[in-house]
Amino acid sequence: MAIGSLIIMVGIFVLRTLPYIVFLDTIMIPVFCTSAVIFFNIVDWKILSNILISLGKESMNMWFLHALFFTAVTAVVCAPLMLWIAPKTLLIVVMIIVSYFLSRICSAVYNKL
């Protein structure tokens, strides 16, 4: 069951990189999320659990900050900083890392206030 849900998640992640597959997002995203929940309920990796908890704590700021890079208004200035990365899968990983560290900085500023 864990391997099947992992295969589904990887398959959807790979399919998402294809140019004309975006119209299936309304189907693929719920299937991906369900597969992820099944996978993480079966597999218990302490390191992965800690990473996901840390990302969850910063998720609101990360969501806001990633919008600075890809919203139509700010994308003219900010998107070229990220869009030089060619493979979309690598772009997603780099964007998660960048938005996480920017979020940690914002959280530190919020806590100082």
Protein backbone atom coordinates (compact mmCIF):
# COMPACT_ATOMS: atom_id res chain seq x y z
CA MET A 1 0.00 0.00 0.00
CA ALA A 2 2.83 2.43 0.85
CA ILE A 3 4.66 1.68 -2.39
CA GLY A 4 1.46 2.10 -4.40
CA SER A 5 0.72 5.49 -2.90
CA LEU A 6 4.35 6.56 -3.42
CA ILE A 7 4.14 5.52 -7.08
CA ILE A 8 0.93 7.55 -7.46
CA MET A 9 2.54 10.62 -5.85
CA VAL A 10 5.67 10.41 -8.02
CA GLY A 11 3.57 9.78 -11.13
CA ILE A 12 1.42 12.84 -10.50
CA PHE A 13 4.50 14.93 -9.72
CA VAL A 14 6.07 13.86 -13.04
CA LEU A 15 2.81 14.35 -14.97
CA ARG A 16 2.53 17.86 -13.54
CA THR A 17 5.71 18.85 -15.41
CA LEU A 18 4.07 18.19 -18.79
CA PRO A 19 2.92 21.36 -20.53
CA TYR A 20 -0.78 20.66 -21.20
CA ILE A 21 -1.68 18.59 -18.14
CA VAL A 22 -2.59 21.57 -15.91
CA PHE A 23 -6.28 21.24 -16.76
CA LEU A 24 -6.33 17.97 -14.76
CA ASP A 25 -5.32 19.70 -11.52
CA THR A 26 -8.83 19.42 -10.10
CA ILE A 27 -8.46 15.63 -10.27
CA MET A 28 -4.74 15.22 -9.64
CA ILE A 29 -4.39 17.39 -6.52
CA PRO A 30 -6.98 15.51 -4.39
CA VAL A 31 -5.52 12.16 -5.55
CA PHE A 32 -2.00 13.37 -4.70
CA CYS A 33 -3.07 14.61 -1.26
CA THR A 34 -4.94 11.38 -0.49
CA SER A 35 -1.93 9.32 -1.56
CA ALA A 36 0.36 11.46 0.58
CA VAL A 37 -1.87 11.02 3.64
CA ILE A 38 -1.99 7.24 3.10
CA PHE A 39 1.77 7.08 2.57
CA PHE A 40 2.67 9.14 5.63
CA ASN A 41 0.21 7.23 7.83
CA ILE A 42 1.92 3.95 6.88
CA VAL A 43 5.55 5.06 6.86
CA ASP A 44 6.99 6.59 10.03
CA TRP A 45 10.30 8.34 9.36
CA LYS A 46 11.31 10.63 12.22
CA ILE A 47 13.47 12.93 10.02
CA LEU A 48 10.71 13.32 7.42
CA SER A 49 8.18 13.93 10.18
CA ASN A 50 10.37 16.70 11.64
CA ILE A 51 10.85 18.30 8.22
CA LEU A 52 7.10 18.30 7.52
CA ILE A 53 6.33 19.71 10.98
CA SER A 54 8.86 22.50 10.41
CA LEU A 55 7.41 23.26 6.96
CA GLY A 56 3.91 23.23 8.46
CA LYS A 57 4.86 25.82 11.07
CA GLU A 58 6.11 28.16 8.34
CA SER A 59 3.47 27.30 5.74
CA MET A 60 1.42 30.52 5.94
CA ASN A 61 4.46 32.74 5.39
CA MET A 62 5.77 30.39 2.71
CA TRP A 63 2.45 30.62 0.86
CA PHE A 64 2.54 34.41 1.01
CA LEU A 65 6.20 34.65 -0.04
CA HIS A 66 5.91 32.28 -2.98
CA ALA A 67 3.15 34.55 -4.30
CA LEU A 68 5.68 37.37 -4.53
CA PHE A 69 7.56 35.35 -7.12
CA PHE A 70 4.62 34.17 -9.21
CA THR A 71 1.78 36.71 -8.92
CA ALA A 72 1.19 38.69 -12.11
CA VAL A 73 1.90 42.06 -10.48
CA THR A 74 5.24 41.15 -8.87
CA ALA A 75 6.34 38.41 -11.27
CA VAL A 76 7.92 40.94 -13.63
CA VAL A 77 10.49 41.77 -10.96
CA CYS A 78 10.73 38.64 -8.82
CA ALA A 79 10.08 35.72 -11.20
CA PRO A 80 13.34 36.12 -13.19
CA LEU A 81 15.18 35.44 -9.93
CA MET A 82 13.77 31.88 -9.97
CA LEU A 83 12.76 31.08 -13.55
CA TRP A 84 16.35 30.59 -14.73
CA ILE A 85 16.10 27.11 -13.21
CA ALA A 86 15.19 24.91 -16.17
CA PRO A 87 13.57 21.70 -14.85
CA LYS A 88 10.25 22.51 -13.19
CA THR A 89 10.76 19.85 -10.52
CA LEU A 90 14.02 21.49 -9.46
CA LEU A 91 12.30 24.90 -9.55
CA ILE A 92 9.66 23.60 -7.13
CA VAL A 93 12.27 22.26 -4.71
CA VAL A 94 14.33 25.48 -4.87
CA MET A 95 11.19 27.59 -4.38
CA ILE A 96 10.25 25.57 -1.29
CA ILE A 97 13.75 26.04 0.15
CA VAL A 98 13.90 29.77 -0.64
CA SER A 99 10.40 30.47 0.68
CA TYR A 100 11.16 28.43 3.82
CA PHE A 101 14.25 30.45 4.67
CA LEU A 102 12.55 33.76 3.84
CA SER A 103 9.66 32.63 6.04
CA ARG A 104 12.03 31.89 8.92
CA ILE A 105 13.38 35.44 8.59
CA CYS A 106 9.83 36.86 8.62
CA SER A 107 8.96 34.73 11.66
CA ALA A 108 12.04 36.01 13.48
CA VAL A 109 11.01 39.61 12.72
CA TYR A 110 7.42 38.91 13.88
CA ASN A 111 8.69 37.42 17.13
CA LYS A 112 10.91 40.46 17.79
CA LEU A 113 7.92 42.79 17.46
